[in-house]
Amino acid sequence: MVASGMSEKEIGYWLGVKPGTIKKWKQRYEEFKLATDSKSSAKKIAGAYLVTSGLRAATGYDIEEVDQVLTKNEDGEMVVIKETRKLKHRPADKDLLIFFLINMSRGSGEWKNVKSIEVTEKKQNLNINLTGVIESDTIRKLAGAAIKQADSMDKKDKLPVIEAEVIDAKSGD
């Protein structure tokens, strides 16, 4: 309950006691005090569980589903008369996987998903600096927007044609 962010009043409600009782229990029982402390390991445990569950969903997993047909025997007890087991695969959640790869590697320099486009304009020069892995369709859209802007500027100011040069950052040119 503490891990989910419940207050002492809310914990008391769920346990069926008044908030004052929670305070008395904390004073009387060290284990209860530790378990309900807002800085307890309960939040860390809950966070670890969520990360574990998220990673499992991100990478995919197999689960066995069990279906049972029950009936009552002569003594009135429930007994299984048929059981069917199926192994089902839950595929990886690619979006969740990307989220984990990006956020768990902060500071390591790996799996960065930082993209930036910086445009500076000085007199007759327009400089575009792309950082990160920019997909070709994004580059095409950017180039199309730049061409439209250049055409607009040419019509207004009757400027000469803008020349462009593509520099391949990978080859170091």
N, C-alpha and C. Protein backbone atom coordinates (compact mmCIF):
# COMPACT_ATOMS: atom_id res chain seq x y z
N MET A 1 0.81 -1.19 0.00
CA MET A 1 0.00 0.00 0.00
C MET A 1 0.86 1.26 0.00
N VAL A 2 1.94 1.21 0.76
CA VAL A 2 2.87 2.35 0.79
C VAL A 2 3.50 2.50 -0.59
N ALA A 3 3.88 1.37 -1.19
CA ALA A 3 4.53 1.42 -2.50
C ALA A 3 3.63 2.03 -3.55
N SER A 4 2.32 1.86 -3.41
CA SER A 4 1.41 2.44 -4.40
C SER A 4 1.10 3.90 -4.11
N GLY A 5 1.65 4.44 -3.00
CA GLY A 5 1.49 5.85 -2.70
C GLY A 5 0.36 6.18 -1.74
N MET A 6 -0.20 5.17 -1.09
CA MET A 6 -1.31 5.43 -0.15
C MET A 6 -0.81 6.17 1.09
N SER A 7 -1.67 7.05 1.59
CA SER A 7 -1.38 7.77 2.83
C SER A 7 -1.75 6.87 4.01
N GLU A 8 -1.36 7.31 5.23
CA GLU A 8 -1.72 6.54 6.42
C GLU A 8 -3.24 6.45 6.56
N LYS A 9 -3.93 7.51 6.23
CA LYS A 9 -5.39 7.52 6.32
C LYS A 9 -5.99 6.48 5.37
N GLU A 10 -5.45 6.42 4.14
CA GLU A 10 -5.95 5.44 3.17
C GLU A 10 -5.62 4.01 3.59
N ILE A 11 -4.44 3.81 4.14
CA ILE A 11 -4.06 2.48 4.63
C ILE A 11 -5.00 2.06 5.75
N GLY A 12 -5.29 3.00 6.65
CA GLY A 12 -6.22 2.72 7.74
C GLY A 12 -7.59 2.33 7.22
N TYR A 13 -8.05 3.04 6.19
CA TYR A 13 -9.35 2.73 5.60
C TYR A 13 -9.38 1.29 5.10
N TRP A 14 -8.34 0.92 4.34
CA TRP A 14 -8.29 -0.43 3.76
C TRP A 14 -8.12 -1.51 4.81
N LEU A 15 -7.46 -1.19 5.91
CA LEU A 15 -7.29 -2.16 6.99
C LEU A 15 -8.45 -2.13 7.97
N GLY A 16 -9.34 -1.15 7.82
CA GLY A 16 -10.51 -1.06 8.68
C GLY A 16 -10.21 -0.46 10.05
N VAL A 17 -9.20 0.41 10.11
CA VAL A 17 -8.85 1.05 11.38
C VAL A 17 -8.72 2.56 11.19
N LYS A 18 -8.73 3.28 12.29
CA LYS A 18 -8.60 4.74 12.24
C LYS A 18 -7.12 5.11 12.04
N PRO A 19 -6.86 6.30 11.47
CA PRO A 19 -5.47 6.73 11.26
C PRO A 19 -4.65 6.73 12.55
N GLY A 20 -5.31 7.02 13.69
CA GLY A 20 -4.59 7.01 14.98
C GLY A 20 -4.07 5.62 15.31
N THR A 21 -4.81 4.61 14.90
CA THR A 21 -4.37 3.22 15.14
C THR A 21 -3.10 2.93 14.35
N ILE A 22 -3.04 3.43 13.12
CA ILE A 22 -1.84 3.24 12.30
C ILE A 22 -0.64 3.85 13.02
N LYS A 23 -0.81 5.06 13.57
CA LYS A 23 0.30 5.72 14.28
C LYS A 23 0.72 4.91 15.51
N LYS A 24 -0.27 4.37 16.24
CA LYS A 24 0.06 3.55 17.41
C LYS A 24 0.80 2.28 17.01
N TRP A 25 0.36 1.65 15.92
CA TRP A 25 1.03 0.44 15.45
C TRP A 25 2.48 0.75 15.07
N LYS A 26 2.69 1.91 14.44
CA LYS A 26 4.05 2.28 14.04
C LYS A 26 4.95 2.47 15.27
N GLN A 27 4.36 3.00 16.35
CA GLN A 27 5.14 3.20 17.58
C GLN A 27 5.39 1.86 18.29
N ARG A 28 4.42 1.00 18.25
CA ARG A 28 4.49 -0.25 18.99
C ARG A 28 5.26 -1.35 18.26
N TYR A 29 5.14 -1.41 16.93
CA TYR A 29 5.73 -2.51 16.15
C TYR A 29 6.76 -1.97 15.15
N GLU A 30 8.01 -2.26 15.39
CA GLU A 30 9.11 -1.77 14.53
C GLU A 30 8.94 -2.25 13.09
N GLU A 31 8.51 -3.50 12.91
CA GLU A 31 8.34 -4.04 11.56
C GLU A 31 7.28 -3.26 10.78
N PHE A 32 6.19 -2.90 11.49
CA PHE A 32 5.13 -2.14 10.84
C PHE A 32 5.62 -0.74 10.48
N LYS A 33 6.40 -0.16 11.39
CA LYS A 33 6.96 1.16 11.13
C LYS A 33 7.85 1.12 9.89
N LEU A 34 8.71 0.11 9.80
CA LEU A 34 9.60 -0.02 8.65
C LEU A 34 8.81 -0.26 7.36
N ALA A 35 7.78 -1.07 7.45
CA ALA A 35 6.99 -1.40 6.26
C ALA A 35 6.20 -0.21 5.74
N THR A 36 5.78 0.68 6.64
CA THR A 36 4.94 1.81 6.22
C THR A 36 5.72 3.11 6.06
N ASP A 37 7.00 3.07 6.31
CA ASP A 37 7.82 4.27 6.14
C ASP A 37 7.85 4.65 4.67
N SER A 38 7.66 5.93 4.39
CA SER A 38 7.62 6.37 2.98
C SER A 38 8.95 6.16 2.28
N LYS A 39 10.02 6.01 3.04
CA LYS A 39 11.33 5.77 2.44
C LYS A 39 11.69 4.28 2.50
N SER A 40 10.69 3.44 2.75
CA SER A 40 10.93 2.01 2.90
C SER A 40 11.32 1.38 1.57
N SER A 41 11.70 0.15 1.67
CA SER A 41 12.07 -0.58 0.47
C SER A 41 10.83 -1.00 -0.32
N ALA A 42 9.63 -0.77 0.23
CA ALA A 42 8.41 -1.16 -0.47
C ALA A 42 8.31 -0.48 -1.84
N LYS A 43 8.64 0.80 -1.89
CA LYS A 43 8.59 1.51 -3.18
C LYS A 43 9.65 0.98 -4.13
N LYS A 44 10.82 0.65 -3.58
CA LYS A 44 11.88 0.09 -4.43
C LYS A 44 11.46 -1.28 -4.97
N ILE A 45 10.84 -2.06 -4.12
CA ILE A 45 10.38 -3.39 -4.54
C ILE A 45 9.30 -3.25 -5.62
N ALA A 46 8.36 -2.34 -5.40
CA ALA A 46 7.30 -2.12 -6.40
C ALA A 46 7.90 -1.65 -7.72
N GLY A 47 8.87 -0.73 -7.64
CA GLY A 47 9.52 -0.25 -8.86
C GLY A 47 10.25 -1.36 -9.58
N ALA A 48 10.95 -2.20 -8.83
CA ALA A 48 11.68 -3.33 -9.43
C ALA A 48 10.70 -4.30 -10.09
N TYR A 49 9.55 -4.52 -9.45
CA TYR A 49 8.54 -5.41 -10.02
C TYR A 49 8.02 -4.84 -11.35
N LEU A 50 7.75 -3.54 -11.37
CA LEU A 50 7.25 -2.91 -12.59
C LEU A 50 8.28 -2.99 -13.72
N VAL A 51 9.55 -2.76 -13.38
CA VAL A 51 10.60 -2.85 -14.40
C VAL A 51 10.69 -4.28 -14.93
N THR A 52 10.66 -5.26 -14.01
CA THR A 52 10.74 -6.66 -14.42
C THR A 52 9.56 -7.03 -15.32
N SER A 53 8.37 -6.63 -14.91
CA SER A 53 7.17 -6.93 -15.72
C SER A 53 7.24 -6.23 -17.07
N GLY A 54 7.72 -4.98 -17.06
CA GLY A 54 7.83 -4.22 -18.31
C GLY A 54 8.84 -4.84 -19.26
N LEU A 55 9.99 -5.27 -18.72
CA LEU A 55 11.00 -5.90 -19.56
C LEU A 55 10.48 -7.21 -20.15
N ARG A 56 9.72 -7.94 -19.35
CA ARG A 56 9.14 -9.20 -19.83
C ARG A 56 8.19 -8.91 -21.00
N ALA A 57 7.34 -7.90 -20.84
CA ALA A 57 6.41 -7.54 -21.91
C ALA A 57 7.16 -6.99 -23.12
N ALA A 58 8.23 -6.25 -22.87
CA ALA A 58 9.00 -5.65 -23.97
C ALA A 58 9.68 -6.70 -24.83
N THR A 59 10.12 -7.79 -24.22
CA THR A 59 10.87 -8.80 -24.95
C THR A 59 10.04 -10.00 -25.36
N GLY A 60 8.79 -10.06 -24.89
CA GLY A 60 7.92 -11.18 -25.24
C GLY A 60 8.11 -12.34 -24.28
N TYR A 61 7.10 -13.17 -24.18
CA TYR A 61 7.18 -14.30 -23.26
C TYR A 61 6.14 -15.35 -23.61
N ASP A 62 6.32 -16.54 -23.06
CA ASP A 62 5.37 -17.62 -23.22
C ASP A 62 4.60 -17.79 -21.91
N ILE A 63 3.34 -18.14 -22.05
CA ILE A 63 2.51 -18.38 -20.86
C ILE A 63 1.66 -19.61 -21.12
N GLU A 64 1.50 -20.42 -20.07
CA GLU A 64 0.67 -21.61 -20.19
C GLU A 64 -0.72 -21.29 -19.64
N GLU A 65 -1.72 -21.51 -20.49
CA GLU A 65 -3.10 -21.33 -20.06
C GLU A 65 -3.69 -22.69 -19.75
N VAL A 66 -4.36 -22.78 -18.63
CA VAL A 66 -4.95 -24.04 -18.19
C VAL A 66 -6.47 -23.86 -18.09
N ASP A 67 -7.21 -24.68 -18.82
CA ASP A 67 -8.67 -24.70 -18.74
C ASP A 67 -9.08 -25.99 -18.05
N GLN A 68 -9.97 -25.87 -17.07
CA GLN A 68 -10.43 -27.04 -16.34
C GLN A 68 -11.95 -27.12 -16.38
N VAL A 69 -12.43 -28.34 -16.52
CA VAL A 69 -13.85 -28.61 -16.41
C VAL A 69 -14.04 -29.29 -15.06
N LEU A 70 -14.89 -28.70 -14.22
CA LEU A 70 -15.09 -29.20 -12.86
C LEU A 70 -16.50 -29.77 -12.70
N THR A 71 -16.61 -30.70 -11.79
CA THR A 71 -17.91 -31.25 -11.41
C THR A 71 -17.86 -31.63 -9.94
N LYS A 72 -19.02 -31.83 -9.36
CA LYS A 72 -19.08 -32.26 -7.96
C LYS A 72 -19.13 -33.79 -7.91
N ASN A 73 -18.34 -34.33 -6.99
CA ASN A 73 -18.40 -35.78 -6.81
C ASN A 73 -19.51 -36.14 -5.83
N GLU A 74 -19.58 -37.42 -5.44
CA GLU A 74 -20.65 -37.89 -4.55
C GLU A 74 -20.62 -37.21 -3.19
N ASP A 75 -19.42 -36.78 -2.75
CA ASP A 75 -19.28 -36.13 -1.46
C ASP A 75 -19.54 -34.61 -1.54
N GLY A 76 -19.83 -34.10 -2.73
CA GLY A 76 -20.09 -32.68 -2.89
C GLY A 76 -18.83 -31.85 -3.12
N GLU A 77 -17.68 -32.52 -3.26
CA GLU A 77 -16.42 -31.81 -3.51
C GLU A 77 -16.24 -31.58 -5.00
N MET A 78 -15.61 -30.46 -5.33
CA MET A 78 -15.33 -30.16 -6.73
C MET A 78 -14.12 -30.96 -7.18
N VAL A 79 -14.24 -31.64 -8.34
CA VAL A 79 -13.13 -32.40 -8.89
C VAL A 79 -12.97 -32.05 -10.37
N VAL A 80 -11.73 -32.15 -10.82
CA VAL A 80 -11.41 -31.86 -12.22
C VAL A 80 -11.71 -33.10 -13.05
N ILE A 81 -12.56 -32.93 -14.08
CA ILE A 81 -12.82 -34.09 -14.95
C ILE A 81 -12.09 -33.96 -16.29
N LYS A 82 -11.68 -32.73 -16.62
CA LYS A 82 -10.93 -32.53 -17.86
C LYS A 82 -10.05 -31.30 -17.69
N GLU A 83 -8.81 -31.42 -18.16
CA GLU A 83 -7.88 -30.29 -18.08
C GLU A 83 -7.18 -30.15 -19.43
N THR A 84 -7.18 -28.94 -19.95
CA THR A 84 -6.52 -28.64 -21.22
C THR A 84 -5.45 -27.59 -20.98
N ARG A 85 -4.25 -27.84 -21.46
CA ARG A 85 -3.15 -26.89 -21.31
C ARG A 85 -2.71 -26.40 -22.69
N LYS A 86 -2.54 -25.09 -22.81
CA LYS A 86 -2.10 -24.48 -24.07
C LYS A 86 -0.94 -23.55 -23.77
N LEU A 87 0.10 -23.64 -24.57
CA LEU A 87 1.22 -22.71 -24.45
C LEU A 87 0.97 -21.58 -25.44
N LYS A 88 0.86 -20.38 -24.93
CA LYS A 88 0.62 -19.21 -25.79
C LYS A 88 1.82 -18.28 -25.70
N HIS A 89 2.11 -17.66 -26.83
CA HIS A 89 3.23 -16.71 -26.88
C HIS A 89 2.70 -15.29 -26.96
N ARG A 90 3.21 -14.44 -26.10
CA ARG A 90 2.90 -13.02 -26.16
C ARG A 90 4.09 -12.36 -26.85
N PRO A 91 3.87 -11.76 -28.01
CA PRO A 91 4.99 -11.16 -28.75
C PRO A 91 5.55 -9.93 -28.03
N ALA A 92 6.76 -9.60 -28.39
CA ALA A 92 7.44 -8.44 -27.81
C ALA A 92 6.68 -7.16 -28.16
N ASP A 93 6.71 -6.22 -27.25
CA ASP A 93 6.12 -4.90 -27.47
C ASP A 93 7.26 -3.98 -27.89
N LYS A 94 7.36 -3.72 -29.19
CA LYS A 94 8.52 -2.98 -29.70
C LYS A 94 8.61 -1.56 -29.13
N ASP A 95 7.48 -0.91 -28.92
CA ASP A 95 7.51 0.45 -28.37
C ASP A 95 8.03 0.45 -26.94
N LEU A 96 7.60 -0.52 -26.16
CA LEU A 96 8.07 -0.63 -24.78
C LEU A 96 9.56 -0.98 -24.74
N LEU A 97 10.00 -1.82 -25.68
CA LEU A 97 11.41 -2.18 -25.76
C LEU A 97 12.26 -0.95 -26.08
N ILE A 98 11.82 -0.14 -27.02
CA ILE A 98 12.53 1.09 -27.37
C ILE A 98 12.60 2.01 -26.15
N PHE A 99 11.48 2.13 -25.43
CA PHE A 99 11.44 2.95 -24.22
C PHE A 99 12.51 2.49 -23.23
N PHE A 100 12.57 1.19 -22.97
CA PHE A 100 13.55 0.68 -22.01
C PHE A 100 14.98 0.90 -22.50
N LEU A 101 15.24 0.62 -23.77
CA LEU A 101 16.60 0.79 -24.29
C LEU A 101 17.07 2.23 -24.17
N ILE A 102 16.19 3.16 -24.43
CA ILE A 102 16.56 4.58 -24.36
C ILE A 102 16.73 5.02 -22.92
N ASN A 103 15.77 4.69 -22.07
CA ASN A 103 15.77 5.22 -20.71
C ASN A 103 16.69 4.49 -19.75
N MET A 104 16.98 3.24 -20.00
CA MET A 104 17.86 2.50 -19.09
C MET A 104 19.33 2.75 -19.39
N SER A 105 19.62 3.32 -20.54
CA SER A 105 21.02 3.53 -20.90
C SER A 105 21.44 4.99 -20.79
N ARG A 106 20.66 5.78 -20.08
CA ARG A 106 21.00 7.20 -19.93
C ARG A 106 22.41 7.35 -19.39
N GLY A 107 23.16 8.21 -20.01
CA GLY A 107 24.51 8.48 -19.55
C GLY A 107 25.55 7.52 -20.11
N SER A 108 25.10 6.38 -20.63
CA SER A 108 26.08 5.42 -21.12
C SER A 108 26.49 5.73 -22.56
N GLY A 109 25.71 6.54 -23.24
CA GLY A 109 26.02 6.88 -24.62
C GLY A 109 25.44 5.88 -25.62
N GLU A 110 24.91 4.77 -25.13
CA GLU A 110 24.32 3.78 -26.01
C GLU A 110 22.83 4.03 -26.16
N TRP A 111 22.27 3.61 -27.26
CA TRP A 111 20.84 3.62 -27.50
C TRP A 111 20.22 5.00 -27.36
N LYS A 112 20.97 6.01 -27.68
CA LYS A 112 20.41 7.36 -27.61
C LYS A 112 19.35 7.51 -28.69
N ASN A 113 18.36 8.27 -28.38
CA ASN A 113 17.32 8.57 -29.35
C ASN A 113 17.19 10.08 -29.48
N VAL A 114 18.32 10.75 -29.47
CA VAL A 114 18.31 12.20 -29.53
C VAL A 114 18.45 12.62 -30.99
N LYS A 115 17.51 13.41 -31.43
CA LYS A 115 17.55 13.94 -32.78
C LYS A 115 17.34 15.43 -32.66
N SER A 116 18.13 16.18 -33.38
CA SER A 116 17.89 17.61 -33.37
C SER A 116 18.19 18.18 -34.75
N ILE A 117 17.46 19.19 -35.07
CA ILE A 117 17.66 19.92 -36.32
C ILE A 117 17.84 21.38 -35.93
N GLU A 118 19.00 21.91 -36.26
CA GLU A 118 19.28 23.31 -35.94
C GLU A 118 19.42 24.07 -37.25
N VAL A 119 18.67 25.13 -37.36
CA VAL A 119 18.70 25.95 -38.58
C VAL A 119 19.18 27.34 -38.18
N THR A 120 20.25 27.80 -38.83
CA THR A 120 20.71 29.16 -38.60
C THR A 120 20.76 29.88 -39.94
N GLU A 121 20.39 31.13 -39.91
CA GLU A 121 20.34 31.90 -41.14
C GLU A 121 21.15 33.18 -40.93
N LYS A 122 22.13 33.38 -41.78
CA LYS A 122 22.95 34.59 -41.74
C LYS A 122 23.02 35.15 -43.15
N LYS A 123 22.49 36.33 -43.29
CA LYS A 123 22.47 37.01 -44.58
C LYS A 123 21.97 36.07 -45.67
N GLN A 124 22.87 35.62 -46.56
CA GLN A 124 22.44 34.77 -47.67
C GLN A 124 22.74 33.29 -47.41
N ASN A 125 23.20 32.96 -46.20
CA ASN A 125 23.52 31.56 -45.89
C ASN A 125 22.48 30.97 -44.95
N LEU A 126 22.06 29.78 -45.27
CA LEU A 126 21.16 29.03 -44.42
C LEU A 126 21.87 27.73 -44.07
N ASN A 127 22.17 27.54 -42.78
CA ASN A 127 22.87 26.33 -42.34
C ASN A 127 21.91 25.43 -41.58
N ILE A 128 21.93 24.16 -41.94
CA ILE A 128 21.10 23.17 -41.26
C ILE A 128 22.03 22.12 -40.69
N ASN A 129 21.96 21.94 -39.36
CA ASN A 129 22.80 20.97 -38.69
C ASN A 129 21.91 19.86 -38.12
N LEU A 130 22.09 18.63 -38.59
CA LEU A 130 21.30 17.49 -38.12
C LEU A 130 22.14 16.69 -37.14
N THR A 131 21.56 16.36 -35.98
CA THR A 131 22.24 15.56 -34.98
C THR A 131 21.43 14.30 -34.73
N GLY A 132 22.12 13.18 -34.64
CA GLY A 132 21.43 11.91 -34.40
C GLY A 132 21.12 11.22 -35.70
N VAL A 133 20.46 10.11 -35.59
CA VAL A 133 20.09 9.34 -36.77
C VAL A 133 18.75 9.88 -37.26
N ILE A 134 18.79 10.57 -38.37
CA ILE A 134 17.58 11.15 -38.95
C ILE A 134 17.19 10.28 -40.14
N GLU A 135 15.95 9.82 -40.15
CA GLU A 135 15.49 8.96 -41.23
C GLU A 135 15.40 9.76 -42.53
N SER A 136 15.55 9.03 -43.63
CA SER A 136 15.57 9.69 -44.93
C SER A 136 14.27 10.43 -45.23
N ASP A 137 13.13 9.92 -44.79
CA ASP A 137 11.87 10.62 -45.07
C ASP A 137 11.83 11.97 -44.34
N THR A 138 12.45 12.04 -43.15
CA THR A 138 12.51 13.30 -42.42
C THR A 138 13.40 14.29 -43.15
N ILE A 139 14.51 13.80 -43.68
CA ILE A 139 15.43 14.65 -44.45
C ILE A 139 14.71 15.17 -45.70
N ARG A 140 13.96 14.30 -46.37
CA ARG A 140 13.22 14.73 -47.57
C ARG A 140 12.21 15.83 -47.24
N LYS A 141 11.48 15.65 -46.11
CA LYS A 141 10.50 16.66 -45.70
C LYS A 141 11.19 17.98 -45.40
N LEU A 142 12.33 17.90 -44.72
CA LEU A 142 13.08 19.09 -44.38
C LEU A 142 13.58 19.78 -45.66
N ALA A 143 14.11 18.98 -46.57
CA ALA A 143 14.61 19.54 -47.83
C ALA A 143 13.47 20.17 -48.62
N GLY A 144 12.31 19.52 -48.64
CA GLY A 144 11.16 20.07 -49.34
C GLY A 144 10.74 21.40 -48.76
N ALA A 145 10.73 21.48 -47.43
CA ALA A 145 10.36 22.73 -46.76
C ALA A 145 11.38 23.82 -47.07
N ALA A 146 12.66 23.45 -47.10
CA ALA A 146 13.71 24.43 -47.40
C ALA A 146 13.59 24.93 -48.84
N ILE A 147 13.26 24.04 -49.76
CA ILE A 147 13.11 24.43 -51.17
C ILE A 147 11.93 25.38 -51.33
N LYS A 148 10.81 25.07 -50.64
CA LYS A 148 9.65 25.95 -50.71
C LYS A 148 9.99 27.33 -50.16
N GLN A 149 10.72 27.35 -49.06
CA GLN A 149 11.12 28.63 -48.46
C GLN A 149 12.03 29.39 -49.42
N ALA A 150 12.97 28.66 -50.03
CA ALA A 150 13.89 29.31 -50.97
C ALA A 150 13.14 29.86 -52.17
N ASP A 151 12.18 29.10 -52.69
CA ASP A 151 11.38 29.57 -53.82
C ASP A 151 10.60 30.83 -53.44
N SER A 152 10.06 30.83 -52.25
CA SER A 152 9.32 31.99 -51.77
C SER A 152 10.23 33.21 -51.67
N MET A 153 11.43 33.00 -51.13
CA MET A 153 12.39 34.09 -51.01
C MET A 153 12.81 34.59 -52.39
N ASP A 154 13.02 33.67 -53.33
CA ASP A 154 13.44 34.04 -54.67
C ASP A 154 12.39 34.91 -55.35
N LYS A 155 11.12 34.55 -55.18
CA LYS A 155 10.05 35.30 -55.84
C LYS A 155 9.94 36.71 -55.26
N LYS A 156 10.11 36.81 -53.93
CA LYS A 156 9.98 38.12 -53.28
C LYS A 156 11.17 39.01 -53.58
N ASP A 157 12.34 38.47 -53.37
CA ASP A 157 13.56 39.27 -53.44
C ASP A 157 14.32 39.14 -54.75
N LYS A 158 13.85 38.24 -55.61
CA LYS A 158 14.55 37.98 -56.87
C LYS A 158 16.02 37.68 -56.61
N LEU A 159 16.26 36.80 -55.63
CA LEU A 159 17.62 36.39 -55.28
C LEU A 159 18.10 35.30 -56.22
N PRO A 160 19.39 35.12 -56.32
CA PRO A 160 19.90 34.03 -57.15
C PRO A 160 19.49 32.68 -56.58
N VAL A 161 19.61 31.64 -57.36
CA VAL A 161 19.26 30.28 -56.95
C VAL A 161 20.15 29.86 -55.78
N ILE A 162 19.55 29.21 -54.81
CA ILE A 162 20.30 28.73 -53.65
C ILE A 162 20.97 27.42 -54.00
N GLU A 163 22.26 27.35 -53.77
CA GLU A 163 23.01 26.12 -54.01
C GLU A 163 23.08 25.33 -52.72
N ALA A 164 23.00 23.99 -52.83
CA ALA A 164 23.03 23.14 -51.65
C ALA A 164 24.11 22.08 -51.79
N GLU A 165 24.62 21.67 -50.66
CA GLU A 165 25.64 20.63 -50.65
C GLU A 165 25.31 19.67 -49.51
N VAL A 166 25.33 18.37 -49.81
CA VAL A 166 25.07 17.37 -48.78
C VAL A 166 26.41 16.82 -48.33
N ILE A 167 26.64 16.86 -47.03
CA ILE A 167 27.89 16.38 -46.46
C ILE A 167 27.60 15.08 -45.72
N ASP A 168 28.31 14.01 -46.08
CA ASP A 168 28.13 12.71 -45.44
C ASP A 168 28.98 12.67 -44.18
N ALA A 169 28.31 12.72 -43.03
CA ALA A 169 29.04 12.77 -41.74
C ALA A 169 29.76 11.47 -41.45
N LYS A 170 29.28 10.35 -41.99
CA LYS A 170 29.90 9.06 -41.73
C LYS A 170 31.26 8.93 -42.39
N SER A 171 31.38 9.47 -43.59
CA SER A 171 32.64 9.32 -44.31
C SER A 171 33.66 10.38 -43.90
N GLY A 172 33.19 11.38 -43.13
CA GLY A 172 34.10 12.42 -42.66
C GLY A 172 34.39 13.50 -43.66
N ASP A 173 33.67 13.49 -44.80
CA ASP A 173 33.87 14.54 -45.82
C ASP A 173 33.34 15.85 -45.34
